[in-house]
Structure formats: structure tokens, C-alpha cells
Amino acid sequence: MNLRLILPELFQLLIMAALFVQSIAQGDGTILLKRWLPWAAGLSVLVALGSLAQNGLMFGQTYQVDRLSQFFKMTVSFGFFLTVINGVGQPMLEKKKQCDYFLFLALSAWGLMLLCSAVELISIYLALELASFSLFPLVPLRTKSLSAAEAAIKYMFIGGVATAVGLFGFSYILAAQHTTDLNQLVHMSWSWSHSPMAVLGLTFFLSGLLFKLAFFPFHFWAPDVYEGAGNETAAYIAVLPKVGAVAVLLRFAPLLKPEMEITTILAVLAAVSMTYGNLAALVQKDVKRILGYSAISHAGYLMVGVVAGTPKGVAAAAFYAFAYVLMNFTCFWVICRESKDGKNLKLDDLKGLSRRSPGLALVLAVGAVALVGLPPTAGFMGKLFLLTAAWDRGCNWLVVIAAANVAIGLFYYLNLVRYAYGKETVEAPREMIGTESADGLLNLLGGLFLAGLVLLLGLFPNLVLKMLIQ
């Protein structure tokens, strides 16, 4: 037992313990929460960053600590930190429920950290459910919102079905291959002609992961849940569960040989996921529903790196997962600041944003351009790395479809920018968002910080790629 290998998990567990103590104490503790939680979440990022060089196997070789797992833990910690900064003081959450809210968020992030290092099927399943079940109570916490209750029911019901399907697939894998250790499973035969039960079991087991990824055809919950959940909650659900799912899928990448049936199926579904998500987003008017369908398309992009299966593809998928965290939080940062009462934003609500708050309009423009994949942003470099890895693997047709979908995404992503920089209607003037107050200035600086990271990662991608070099 080497505690240095699991310092990020231990620190996150300490944050959970502190939140639990505060949640059962008398009073809402809102002021105290604002004082220590952002600092603790920021420190957790530094702890995870300092553990990148750790390597080892623990808990009977079911828990693998390596550069890939530590990078994803750092990504989860950073996403949790942004969620805390974004979510403290949200308007549609009662003060007495804030400690419980962040406790469940911290528990979900802890489960995702465990998921990043799990290399045994039962451990993967337990960590996955810990991360997922902790999110179910967060969706209906939106005050006096029937759509939030409906979204929570859908999320919980469909999540339960995905769990059952995943467990069913696990039983098939165990019956066919007689082991649950991933390091042994990657060296076994996964051809339909040699072991059809194993292939069927792997398909079912991966279905549970693909549900978290909002990957076609397990995507239908995403737009409704994003729309029904609070803005801050939707930002977390839209991003971090995908990071955990990608971390596990990359563990399976070595067994996805180009000639295998399961590889072809995933490649075809990646093409469909990209195309469906982009086409469905074209007709949406609710901004969060647009980002919900955008998440479906980005699940397809992430799967391109998994299907490539090479070290280059693994590094590209990990890089894009981190870039997606930055890009998505950049857009949600503006949504949460623009929606003063916590209500959902329509496209028309963005009109005149450049006049009310030029800084936030610029932040939204950078986030939208990055999600499209235009230079010089992290989204462009991420897509370039993914498509290059797939092309080198011989998936030329998938690269062509992905490039075509980038062109489709131009229409609805840049539509956000068009509305933000368009003129506001005279009939419905909106309040100016000033920066003269301390809160207004901090909100602007936070958005510019995220936008700056998106551009910095696009200009200097080696700052992250070198973390993934084994």
C-alpha cells in the first residue's frame, strides 16, 4: 500500500468528509462553504497535477496508476473545480441544500477518479455506478421546476436500464473468458467466429459506458436532462461523466483491432453519432438543448480516437477530452452568467450580448469557435490529432465523415455568435451586465481565463500532450 499513488483520491475523499460534516451541522453554512470549498477544489487540481509521474498497481492488481489515469484524474479535478466556482451561489438552489448539492458532486467526481484507474470489470462497474448514482439527486434540485423532475426521472430510469444491460454483458464476458482482469482480457480472442458470447457480452458491457458518453443510440436522455437540470448542473453532467467513460474505453482500445466486428460497429456508430447530433442541433432554439445535441456529436469524435486503438489515438482522445472540458465550460460559463434567474436561455436571449457585456460575448465566441474546431483553438488541434490517428489506422471513410460533420457544426455553433453579436430587439430590452461590481469583474475574468486556456491549448498543444507520453 503506497498512499502516494492515490493522493488525488484521498484529497477528494477529504473534501467529501468536510462537506458531509457541514451538511449535517445546523444552519445552511453558505458563507462558510464559499470561503473554503473553491480553495479546496483548486488545491485538489494541484495535488492531481503533482501525481502525474506516479506508477503502480494496487488492490490485487485491480487498480492501475499510470500517466493516463493520473491525467484523467487531473481533468476530473479541474472540472470539479470549475463546477464549484460556477455553482456557488446559483439562483435556483435553496441555501439549505447547497452543502448536499456539492457533497453529491464531490462524490461523483471521486467515483470518476476511481474509474480512471480501475482495470477490473467489477471495479469499473462499481466506480461507474458511484459516479452516476450521485448525479441522480442533483437534477431535481432545481427549485420549483417540473421539467427538472421530469428530467430526473428520465435520467434515473434510463441509467438503471443501462446498468442492467452492462451487468448482463459482464456475466457473458465472465462466462466466456473466465476472467475480469482487463490486462488479461486484452490478450484474448474477441472474434465472433472464436467467441461469440464474449463479443456479445462486450457489446452489452460497453453499452453501459456509451450511455454515460451520450453516444448514439444511447443518446436520447442527454438533451432532455440538460434542458431540465440547472445550468450549473448541466455543465457538470455534460462534461465530466464523458471523461470517465473515455478513460475506461481507452483501456479497452488495445483489443479493438481494425478487422474485429466490434471495432467496425463502434466506427459506424461514431459516424452516426456525429451526424445525428449535428443535424438535430441545427433546429434547436434552446441553448442547452443545442449543447446537448452537440455532446452527442462530440461523443462520436471521441470514439474516433478509441477506434484508432493506437497510442497516438489514445493520446488524441485524452487530449480532446481535456479540450472538451475547457470548451464546454467556457460556453456554460456565459450561459450561467447571462441567466441571472437560472432559467434556460433561448437563442433570442443572446441578442445584444456584445452590447451588454462585450467580454462575455467574446468568451462565448471563443467557446463556440473551439467546439466547431476552427484554429487557433484547442478544438481544432484535438480534431486534427483524432483524424490523423484514424487516418493512419486506415479508417479513411470515418475521417471523411468526421470532416463533413465539422462543416455541419459551423452552422449552429456560429449561430450562437451571430445572435450574441446581433442587435437586441427594441421590444424586449435586457439589463446591462456591468463589470463595475466585484462579482461582475470576477465573472468576466473567469470567462476570459477559460477562453485564454482554450486558445493557449490550441497554440501550444504540447503543454498537454507531453503529459500523455509514456
Protein backbone atom coordinates (compact mmCIF):
# COMPACT_ATOMS: atom_id res chain seq x y z
CA MET A 1 0.00 0.00 0.00
CA ASN A 2 1.61 3.21 -1.24
CA LEU A 3 -0.56 6.17 -0.32
CA ARG A 4 1.35 8.47 -2.66
CA LEU A 5 -0.23 6.63 -5.59
CA ILE A 6 -3.74 7.61 -4.53
CA LEU A 7 -3.23 11.14 -3.22
CA PRO A 8 -5.83 12.70 -5.58
CA GLU A 9 -8.47 10.21 -4.43
CA LEU A 10 -7.58 10.73 -0.77
CA PHE A 11 -7.76 14.51 -1.07
CA GLN A 12 -11.14 14.28 -2.82
CA LEU A 13 -12.32 11.96 -0.04
CA LEU A 14 -11.23 14.58 2.50
CA ILE A 15 -13.31 17.21 0.70
CA MET A 16 -16.30 14.84 0.79
CA ALA A 17 -15.84 14.29 4.53
CA ALA A 18 -15.74 18.03 5.18
CA LEU A 19 -18.89 18.57 3.10
CA PHE A 20 -20.64 15.75 4.93
CA VAL A 21 -19.83 17.25 8.32
CA GLN A 22 -21.02 20.67 7.20
CA SER A 23 -24.22 19.25 5.66
CA ILE A 24 -25.32 17.67 8.94
CA ALA A 25 -24.40 20.75 11.00
CA GLN A 26 -27.06 23.27 11.90
CA GLY A 27 -27.63 26.19 9.52
CA ASP A 28 -27.11 26.36 5.80
CA GLY A 29 -23.40 27.24 6.06
CA THR A 30 -23.46 29.09 2.75
CA ILE A 31 -20.90 31.71 3.73
CA LEU A 32 -18.51 29.13 5.16
CA LEU A 33 -18.95 26.99 2.04
CA LYS A 34 -17.97 29.87 -0.23
CA ARG A 35 -14.88 30.53 1.86
CA TRP A 36 -13.21 27.13 1.81
CA LEU A 37 -14.66 24.92 -0.95
CA PRO A 38 -13.27 26.81 -4.01
CA TRP A 39 -9.81 26.84 -2.43
CA ALA A 40 -10.01 23.15 -1.58
CA ALA A 41 -11.19 22.27 -5.09
CA GLY A 42 -8.35 24.34 -6.58
CA LEU A 43 -5.83 22.60 -4.34
CA SER A 44 -7.14 19.22 -5.50
CA VAL A 45 -6.13 20.16 -9.05
CA LEU A 46 -2.58 20.84 -7.88
CA VAL A 47 -2.49 17.54 -5.99
CA ALA A 48 -3.62 15.66 -9.10
CA LEU A 49 -1.14 17.56 -11.25
CA GLY A 50 1.67 16.65 -8.87
CA SER A 51 0.81 12.95 -9.11
CA LEU A 52 1.22 12.67 -12.90
CA ALA A 53 4.52 10.81 -12.59
CA GLN A 54 3.16 8.09 -10.28
CA ASN A 55 3.02 4.48 -11.49
CA GLY A 56 1.98 1.24 -9.84
CA LEU A 57 -0.65 -1.46 -9.29
CA MET A 58 -2.73 -1.70 -6.14
CA PHE A 59 -5.54 -3.70 -4.55
CA GLY A 60 -4.70 -7.08 -6.06
CA GLN A 61 -3.76 -5.56 -9.44
CA THR A 62 -7.29 -4.23 -9.93
CA TYR A 63 -6.25 -0.58 -9.63
CA GLN A 64 -3.65 0.74 -12.08
CA VAL A 65 -1.94 4.08 -11.56
CA ASP A 66 -0.15 5.35 -14.65
CA ARG A 67 0.28 8.55 -16.62
CA LEU A 68 -3.03 8.09 -18.46
CA SER A 69 -5.07 7.53 -15.29
CA GLN A 70 -3.42 10.44 -13.49
CA PHE A 71 -4.04 12.75 -16.45
CA PHE A 72 -7.74 11.91 -16.40
CA LYS A 73 -7.86 12.41 -12.62
CA MET A 74 -6.32 15.83 -13.12
CA THR A 75 -9.00 16.54 -15.74
CA VAL A 76 -11.75 15.44 -13.33
CA SER A 77 -10.30 17.59 -10.54
CA PHE A 78 -10.14 20.59 -12.85
CA GLY A 79 -13.73 20.01 -13.97
CA PHE A 80 -14.87 19.75 -10.34
CA PHE A 81 -13.04 22.98 -9.54
CA LEU A 82 -14.78 24.79 -12.42
CA THR A 83 -18.14 23.36 -11.31
CA VAL A 84 -17.60 24.65 -7.76
CA ILE A 85 -16.63 28.13 -8.99
CA ASN A 86 -19.56 28.14 -11.37
CA GLY A 87 -22.10 26.69 -8.95
CA VAL A 88 -21.56 28.58 -5.70
CA GLY A 89 -24.46 30.97 -5.33
CA GLN A 90 -26.61 29.59 -8.14
CA PRO A 91 -30.04 31.23 -8.06
CA MET A 92 -32.29 28.16 -8.36
CA LEU A 93 -30.81 26.18 -5.46
CA GLU A 94 -32.03 26.67 -1.91
CA LYS A 95 -29.31 27.68 0.52
CA LYS A 96 -30.05 24.83 2.91
CA LYS A 97 -29.42 22.33 0.09
CA GLN A 98 -26.10 23.73 -1.10
CA CYS A 99 -23.91 21.50 1.09
CA ASP A 100 -25.82 18.41 -0.03
CA TYR A 101 -25.54 19.54 -3.64
CA PHE A 102 -21.76 19.86 -3.54
CA LEU A 103 -21.43 16.69 -1.48
CA PHE A 104 -23.06 14.68 -4.28
CA LEU A 105 -20.92 16.47 -6.86
CA ALA A 106 -17.77 15.63 -4.89
CA LEU A 107 -18.93 12.01 -4.54
CA SER A 108 -19.48 11.78 -8.29
CA ALA A 109 -16.04 13.25 -9.01
CA TRP A 110 -14.49 10.75 -6.58
CA GLY A 111 -16.22 7.89 -8.40
CA LEU A 112 -14.85 9.19 -11.70
CA MET A 113 -11.35 9.26 -10.24
CA LEU A 114 -11.70 5.64 -9.18
CA LEU A 115 -13.00 4.82 -12.65
CA CYS A 116 -9.87 6.26 -14.26
CA SER A 117 -7.63 3.67 -12.55
CA ALA A 118 -9.95 0.65 -12.44
CA VAL A 119 -8.68 -2.20 -14.63
CA GLU A 120 -11.05 -4.95 -13.50
CA LEU A 121 -14.65 -5.23 -14.65
CA ILE A 122 -16.33 -5.34 -11.23
CA SER A 123 -14.22 -2.38 -10.06
CA ILE A 124 -15.13 -0.50 -13.23
CA TYR A 125 -18.82 -1.22 -12.68
CA LEU A 126 -18.79 -0.11 -9.02
CA ALA A 127 -16.90 3.10 -9.77
CA LEU A 128 -19.17 3.85 -12.72
CA GLU A 129 -22.32 3.48 -10.65
CA LEU A 130 -20.88 5.52 -7.80
CA ALA A 131 -20.18 8.36 -10.21
CA SER A 132 -23.58 8.04 -11.91
CA PHE A 133 -25.94 7.48 -8.99
CA SER A 134 -24.54 10.52 -7.23
CA LEU A 135 -25.83 12.68 -10.09
CA PHE A 136 -29.42 11.45 -9.97
CA PRO A 137 -30.40 13.58 -6.90
CA LEU A 138 -28.82 16.73 -8.38
CA VAL A 139 -31.11 17.13 -11.37
CA PRO A 140 -34.41 17.67 -9.44
CA LEU A 141 -32.79 20.17 -7.04
CA ARG A 142 -33.76 22.96 -9.41
CA THR A 143 -36.29 24.95 -7.37
CA LYS A 144 -39.95 24.77 -8.47
CA SER A 145 -39.20 23.22 -11.84
CA LEU A 146 -41.41 20.47 -13.23
CA SER A 147 -39.06 19.94 -16.15
CA ALA A 148 -36.25 19.21 -13.69
CA ALA A 149 -38.35 16.50 -12.00
CA GLU A 150 -39.20 15.00 -15.39
CA ALA A 151 -35.54 15.07 -16.47
CA ALA A 152 -34.50 13.40 -13.20
CA ILE A 153 -36.98 10.56 -13.70
CA LYS A 154 -35.79 10.01 -17.28
CA TYR A 155 -32.14 10.13 -16.25
CA MET A 156 -32.61 7.70 -13.36
CA PHE A 157 -34.80 5.25 -15.28
CA ILE A 158 -32.61 5.12 -18.39
CA GLY A 159 -29.49 4.98 -16.23
CA GLY A 160 -30.91 1.97 -14.39
CA VAL A 161 -31.61 0.21 -17.67
CA ALA A 162 -28.07 0.92 -18.89
CA THR A 163 -26.70 -0.51 -15.63
CA ALA A 164 -28.73 -3.69 -16.03
CA VAL A 165 -27.56 -4.14 -19.63
CA GLY A 166 -23.94 -3.60 -18.58
CA LEU A 167 -24.22 -6.19 -15.82
CA PHE A 168 -25.80 -8.64 -18.24
CA GLY A 169 -22.84 -8.16 -20.58
CA PHE A 170 -20.41 -8.64 -17.69
CA SER A 171 -21.89 -12.06 -16.97
CA TYR A 172 -21.36 -13.09 -20.61
CA ILE A 173 -17.73 -11.92 -20.57
CA LEU A 174 -17.04 -13.81 -17.35
CA ALA A 175 -18.68 -16.97 -18.70
CA ALA A 176 -16.74 -16.83 -21.97
CA GLN A 177 -13.31 -15.59 -20.90
CA HIS A 178 -13.20 -16.75 -17.24
CA THR A 179 -11.54 -13.56 -16.00
CA THR A 180 -12.45 -9.97 -15.21
CA ASP A 181 -8.91 -8.56 -15.39
CA LEU A 182 -8.57 -6.11 -18.28
CA ASN A 183 -4.84 -6.75 -18.62
CA GLN A 184 -5.67 -10.39 -19.39
CA LEU A 185 -8.78 -9.70 -21.46
CA VAL A 186 -6.91 -7.53 -23.99
CA HIS A 187 -4.77 -10.55 -24.97
CA MET A 188 -7.72 -12.89 -25.56
CA SER A 189 -9.68 -13.58 -28.73
CA TRP A 190 -12.62 -11.25 -29.38
CA SER A 191 -13.64 -12.51 -32.79
CA TRP A 192 -17.24 -13.54 -33.41
CA SER A 193 -16.08 -16.79 -35.02
CA HIS A 194 -13.99 -17.78 -31.99
CA SER A 195 -16.02 -16.45 -29.06
CA PRO A 196 -19.46 -15.07 -29.95
CA MET A 197 -20.57 -14.98 -26.31
CA ALA A 198 -17.60 -12.79 -25.38
CA VAL A 199 -18.29 -10.37 -28.25
CA LEU A 200 -21.96 -10.15 -27.26
CA GLY A 201 -21.02 -9.60 -23.62
CA LEU A 202 -18.51 -6.89 -24.53
CA THR A 203 -21.15 -5.15 -26.64
CA PHE A 204 -23.59 -5.12 -23.72
CA PHE A 205 -20.94 -4.06 -21.21
CA LEU A 206 -19.77 -1.19 -23.39
CA SER A 207 -23.39 -0.08 -23.75
CA GLY A 208 -23.36 0.99 -20.12
CA LEU A 209 -20.29 3.14 -20.79
CA LEU A 210 -21.69 4.55 -24.01
CA PHE A 211 -24.78 5.70 -22.10
CA LYS A 212 -22.56 7.94 -19.96
CA LEU A 213 -20.90 9.19 -23.12
CA ALA A 214 -24.30 10.11 -24.68
CA PHE A 215 -23.23 8.04 -27.67
CA PHE A 216 -25.73 7.00 -30.33
CA PRO A 217 -28.03 5.04 -29.84
CA PHE A 218 -27.79 5.67 -26.07
CA HIS A 219 -28.10 9.42 -26.51
CA PHE A 220 -31.79 10.22 -26.15
CA TRP A 221 -31.60 11.21 -22.48
CA ALA A 222 -28.99 13.96 -22.95
CA PRO A 223 -30.96 16.91 -24.44
CA ASP A 224 -33.89 16.46 -22.03
CA VAL A 225 -31.65 16.16 -18.96
CA TYR A 226 -29.52 19.15 -19.96
CA GLU A 227 -32.65 21.23 -20.54
CA GLY A 228 -34.33 20.18 -17.28
CA ALA A 229 -31.31 20.42 -14.99
CA GLY A 230 -29.97 23.68 -13.63
CA ASN A 231 -27.39 25.44 -15.76
CA GLU A 232 -24.55 24.64 -13.39
CA THR A 233 -25.62 21.01 -13.00
CA ALA A 234 -25.98 20.59 -16.76
CA ALA A 235 -22.42 21.87 -17.22
CA TYR A 236 -21.12 19.08 -14.97
CA ILE A 237 -23.29 16.31 -16.45
CA ALA A 238 -22.42 17.36 -19.99
CA VAL A 239 -18.68 17.06 -19.43
CA LEU A 240 -17.21 15.01 -16.58
CA PRO A 241 -19.08 11.68 -16.99
CA LYS A 242 -17.72 11.65 -20.55
CA VAL A 243 -14.19 11.96 -19.19
CA GLY A 244 -14.67 8.85 -17.04
CA ALA A 245 -16.27 6.90 -19.87
CA VAL A 246 -13.42 7.79 -22.26
CA ALA A 247 -10.84 6.77 -19.64
CA VAL A 248 -12.38 3.28 -19.44
CA LEU A 249 -12.90 2.95 -23.19
CA LEU A 250 -9.24 3.72 -23.76
CA ARG A 251 -8.40 0.75 -21.53
CA PHE A 252 -10.35 -1.40 -23.98
CA ALA A 253 -8.67 0.24 -27.02
CA PRO A 254 -5.84 -2.34 -27.38
CA LEU A 255 -8.33 -5.15 -28.09
CA LEU A 256 -10.16 -3.14 -30.79
CA LYS A 257 -8.27 -4.44 -33.81
CA PRO A 258 -9.34 -2.98 -37.22
CA GLU A 259 -10.57 -6.36 -38.50
CA MET A 260 -12.81 -7.06 -35.50
CA GLU A 261 -16.61 -6.86 -35.72
CA ILE A 262 -16.94 -4.77 -32.54
CA THR A 263 -14.47 -2.20 -33.94
CA THR A 264 -16.49 -1.84 -37.12
CA ILE A 265 -19.71 -1.45 -35.13
CA LEU A 266 -18.20 1.30 -32.95
CA ALA A 267 -16.82 3.10 -36.01
CA VAL A 268 -20.21 3.05 -37.74
CA LEU A 269 -21.97 4.24 -34.58
CA ALA A 270 -19.38 7.03 -34.20
CA ALA A 271 -20.24 8.26 -37.70
CA VAL A 272 -23.97 8.10 -36.94
CA SER A 273 -23.50 9.84 -33.56
CA MET A 274 -21.60 12.74 -35.14
CA THR A 275 -24.10 13.14 -37.96
CA TYR A 276 -27.27 12.79 -35.89
CA GLY A 277 -26.07 15.14 -33.14
CA ASN A 278 -25.09 17.86 -35.58
CA LEU A 279 -28.24 17.62 -37.72
CA ALA A 280 -30.55 17.61 -34.69
CA ALA A 281 -28.77 20.65 -33.20
CA LEU A 282 -29.50 22.69 -36.34
CA VAL A 283 -33.20 23.10 -35.50
CA GLN A 284 -32.92 23.76 -31.75
CA LYS A 285 -33.76 27.11 -30.14
CA ASP A 286 -32.88 26.32 -26.52
CA VAL A 287 -29.14 26.90 -25.96
CA LYS A 288 -28.74 23.96 -23.58
CA ARG A 289 -30.52 21.62 -25.99
CA ILE A 290 -28.09 22.79 -28.67
CA LEU A 291 -25.20 21.86 -26.39
CA GLY A 292 -26.98 18.59 -25.57
CA TYR A 293 -27.05 17.50 -29.19
CA SER A 294 -23.54 18.89 -29.55
CA ALA A 295 -22.47 16.47 -26.81
CA ILE A 296 -23.84 13.58 -28.87
CA SER A 297 -21.76 14.63 -31.85
CA HIS A 298 -18.64 15.08 -29.71
CA ALA A 299 -19.11 11.58 -28.32
CA GLY A 300 -18.66 10.43 -31.91
CA TYR A 301 -15.47 12.46 -32.27
CA LEU A 302 -14.07 10.96 -29.06
CA MET A 303 -14.88 7.47 -30.29
CA VAL A 304 -12.68 8.10 -33.34
CA GLY A 305 -9.61 8.01 -31.07
CA VAL A 306 -10.86 4.89 -29.30
CA VAL A 307 -11.48 3.09 -32.62
CA ALA A 308 -7.97 4.02 -33.80
CA GLY A 309 -6.69 1.94 -30.88
CA THR A 310 -3.07 3.08 -31.27
CA PRO A 311 -1.01 5.00 -28.70
CA LYS A 312 -1.43 8.02 -30.97
CA GLY A 313 -5.21 7.55 -30.94
CA VAL A 314 -5.26 7.13 -27.15
CA ALA A 315 -3.27 10.34 -26.66
CA ALA A 316 -5.52 12.18 -29.14
CA ALA A 317 -8.70 11.05 -27.36
CA ALA A 318 -7.29 12.03 -23.95
CA PHE A 319 -6.24 15.43 -25.30
CA TYR A 320 -9.66 16.00 -26.83
CA ALA A 321 -11.41 15.00 -23.60
CA PHE A 322 -9.47 17.68 -21.73
CA ALA A 323 -10.11 20.20 -24.50
CA TYR A 324 -13.83 19.38 -24.40
CA VAL A 325 -13.90 20.15 -20.68
CA LEU A 326 -12.46 23.59 -21.40
CA MET A 327 -14.65 24.32 -24.43
CA ASN A 328 -17.91 23.25 -22.84
CA PHE A 329 -17.30 25.02 -19.54
CA THR A 330 -16.41 28.17 -21.48
CA CYS A 331 -19.84 28.17 -23.12
CA PHE A 332 -21.70 27.23 -19.92
CA TRP A 333 -19.85 29.97 -18.03
CA VAL A 334 -21.53 32.56 -20.25
CA ILE A 335 -24.91 30.78 -20.01
CA CYS A 336 -24.81 30.82 -16.21
CA ARG A 337 -23.77 34.49 -16.10
CA GLU A 338 -26.34 35.62 -18.67
CA SER A 339 -29.19 33.73 -16.98
CA LYS A 340 -29.49 35.78 -13.81
CA ASP A 341 -32.59 33.93 -12.58
CA GLY A 342 -31.30 30.46 -13.53
CA LYS A 343 -33.84 29.98 -16.32
CA ASN A 344 -32.98 28.33 -19.63
CA LEU A 345 -31.72 30.63 -22.35
CA LYS A 346 -33.14 30.73 -25.84
CA LEU A 347 -31.18 31.94 -28.82
CA ASP A 348 -33.15 35.20 -28.78
CA ASP A 349 -31.92 35.82 -25.22
CA LEU A 350 -28.38 36.12 -26.56
CA LYS A 351 -29.29 39.09 -28.76
CA GLY A 352 -27.36 42.19 -27.80
CA LEU A 353 -24.91 40.33 -25.56
CA SER A 354 -22.00 42.11 -27.25
CA ARG A 355 -23.50 45.45 -26.20
CA ARG A 356 -24.44 44.40 -22.66
CA SER A 357 -21.18 42.60 -21.97
CA PRO A 358 -18.54 42.61 -24.71
CA GLY A 359 -16.26 40.42 -22.61
CA LEU A 360 -18.78 37.61 -22.16
CA ALA A 361 -19.70 37.80 -25.85
CA LEU A 362 -16.04 37.28 -26.69
CA VAL A 363 -15.83 34.32 -24.30
CA LEU A 364 -18.88 32.72 -25.91
CA ALA A 365 -17.41 33.29 -29.36
CA VAL A 366 -14.15 31.57 -28.39
CA GLY A 367 -16.02 28.61 -26.88
CA ALA A 368 -18.28 28.22 -29.91
CA VAL A 369 -15.43 28.50 -32.41
CA ALA A 370 -13.46 25.92 -30.42
CA LEU A 371 -16.39 23.47 -30.41
CA VAL A 372 -16.57 23.85 -34.19
CA GLY A 373 -12.90 23.01 -34.47
CA LEU A 374 -11.51 26.17 -36.04
CA PRO A 375 -7.93 27.37 -35.49
CA PRO A 376 -6.26 28.55 -33.35
CA THR A 377 -8.29 26.78 -30.65
CA ALA A 378 -7.93 23.56 -28.68
CA GLY A 379 -10.88 22.10 -30.58
CA PHE A 380 -9.01 22.42 -33.88
CA MET A 381 -5.88 20.68 -32.58
CA GLY A 382 -7.93 17.99 -30.86
CA LYS A 383 -9.87 17.14 -34.01
CA LEU A 384 -6.65 17.22 -36.04
CA PHE A 385 -4.99 14.70 -33.72
CA LEU A 386 -8.07 12.44 -33.73
CA LEU A 387 -8.48 12.43 -37.51
CA THR A 388 -4.76 11.91 -38.09
CA ALA A 389 -4.74 8.89 -35.77
CA ALA A 390 -7.79 7.39 -37.50
CA TRP A 391 -6.32 8.03 -40.97
CA ASP A 392 -3.09 6.28 -40.02
CA ARG A 393 -5.17 3.33 -38.82
CA GLY A 394 -6.91 3.01 -42.19
CA CYS A 395 -10.30 4.46 -41.15
CA ASN A 396 -10.32 6.86 -44.10
CA TRP A 397 -14.10 6.78 -44.54
CA LEU A 398 -14.61 7.73 -40.88
CA VAL A 399 -12.22 10.67 -41.26
CA VAL A 400 -14.16 11.94 -44.27
CA ILE A 401 -17.48 11.74 -42.38
CA ALA A 402 -15.96 13.50 -39.36
CA ALA A 403 -14.61 16.30 -41.55
CA ALA A 404 -18.04 16.71 -43.18
CA ASN A 405 -19.62 16.96 -39.72
CA VAL A 406 -17.25 19.74 -38.78
CA ALA A 407 -18.72 21.69 -41.69
CA ILE A 408 -22.26 20.95 -40.49
CA GLY A 409 -21.38 22.14 -36.99
CA LEU A 410 -20.35 25.51 -38.36
CA PHE A 411 -23.99 26.47 -38.86
CA TYR A 412 -25.32 26.11 -35.32
CA TYR A 413 -22.14 26.93 -33.38
CA LEU A 414 -21.53 30.15 -35.27
CA ASN A 415 -25.25 30.86 -34.97
CA LEU A 416 -24.60 31.39 -31.24
CA VAL A 417 -22.01 34.00 -32.16
CA ARG A 418 -24.37 35.59 -34.68
CA TYR A 419 -27.08 36.04 -32.04
CA ALA A 420 -24.60 37.31 -29.45
CA TYR A 421 -23.29 39.97 -31.80
CA GLY A 422 -26.67 40.74 -33.37
CA LYS A 423 -28.80 43.71 -32.41
CA GLU A 424 -31.15 43.40 -29.49
CA THR A 425 -34.84 43.82 -30.20
CA VAL A 426 -36.33 47.14 -29.14
CA GLU A 427 -39.42 45.46 -27.67
CA ALA A 428 -37.53 43.47 -25.08
CA PRO A 429 -34.50 45.38 -23.81
CA ARG A 430 -32.21 43.48 -21.48
CA GLU A 431 -30.32 44.77 -18.47
CA MET A 432 -26.70 45.73 -18.97
CA ILE A 433 -24.17 43.35 -17.42
CA GLY A 434 -21.61 45.67 -15.92
CA THR A 435 -18.17 44.94 -14.53
CA GLU A 436 -18.10 47.77 -12.03
CA SER A 437 -19.00 45.41 -9.16
CA ALA A 438 -16.55 42.90 -7.74
CA ASP A 439 -18.74 39.96 -8.75
CA GLY A 440 -19.14 41.26 -12.29
CA LEU A 441 -15.39 41.70 -12.68
CA LEU A 442 -14.67 38.22 -11.30
CA ASN A 443 -17.22 36.68 -13.63
CA LEU A 444 -15.61 38.38 -16.60
CA LEU A 445 -12.10 37.40 -15.52
CA GLY A 446 -13.18 33.80 -15.01
CA GLY A 447 -14.63 33.63 -18.51
CA LEU A 448 -11.56 35.25 -20.05
CA PHE A 449 -9.36 32.78 -18.16
CA LEU A 450 -11.23 29.82 -19.68
CA ALA A 451 -11.20 31.37 -23.15
CA GLY A 452 -7.48 32.04 -22.76
CA LEU A 453 -6.85 28.38 -21.87
CA VAL A 454 -8.78 27.27 -24.95
CA LEU A 455 -6.61 29.46 -27.16
CA LEU A 456 -3.39 28.60 -25.31
CA LEU A 457 -4.03 24.87 -25.71
CA GLY A 458 -4.68 25.41 -29.41
CA LEU A 459 -1.45 27.32 -29.91
CA PHE A 460 0.70 25.10 -27.69
CA PRO A 461 -0.89 21.62 -27.59
CA ASN A 462 2.38 20.05 -26.40
CA LEU A 463 1.70 21.54 -22.96
CA VAL A 464 -0.86 18.72 -22.52
CA LEU A 465 0.40 16.12 -24.98
CA LYS A 466 3.70 15.73 -23.16
CA MET A 467 1.73 14.66 -20.06
CA LEU A 468 0.38 11.70 -22.05
CA ILE A 469 3.74 10.43 -23.31
CA GLN A 470 4.52 7.20 -21.53
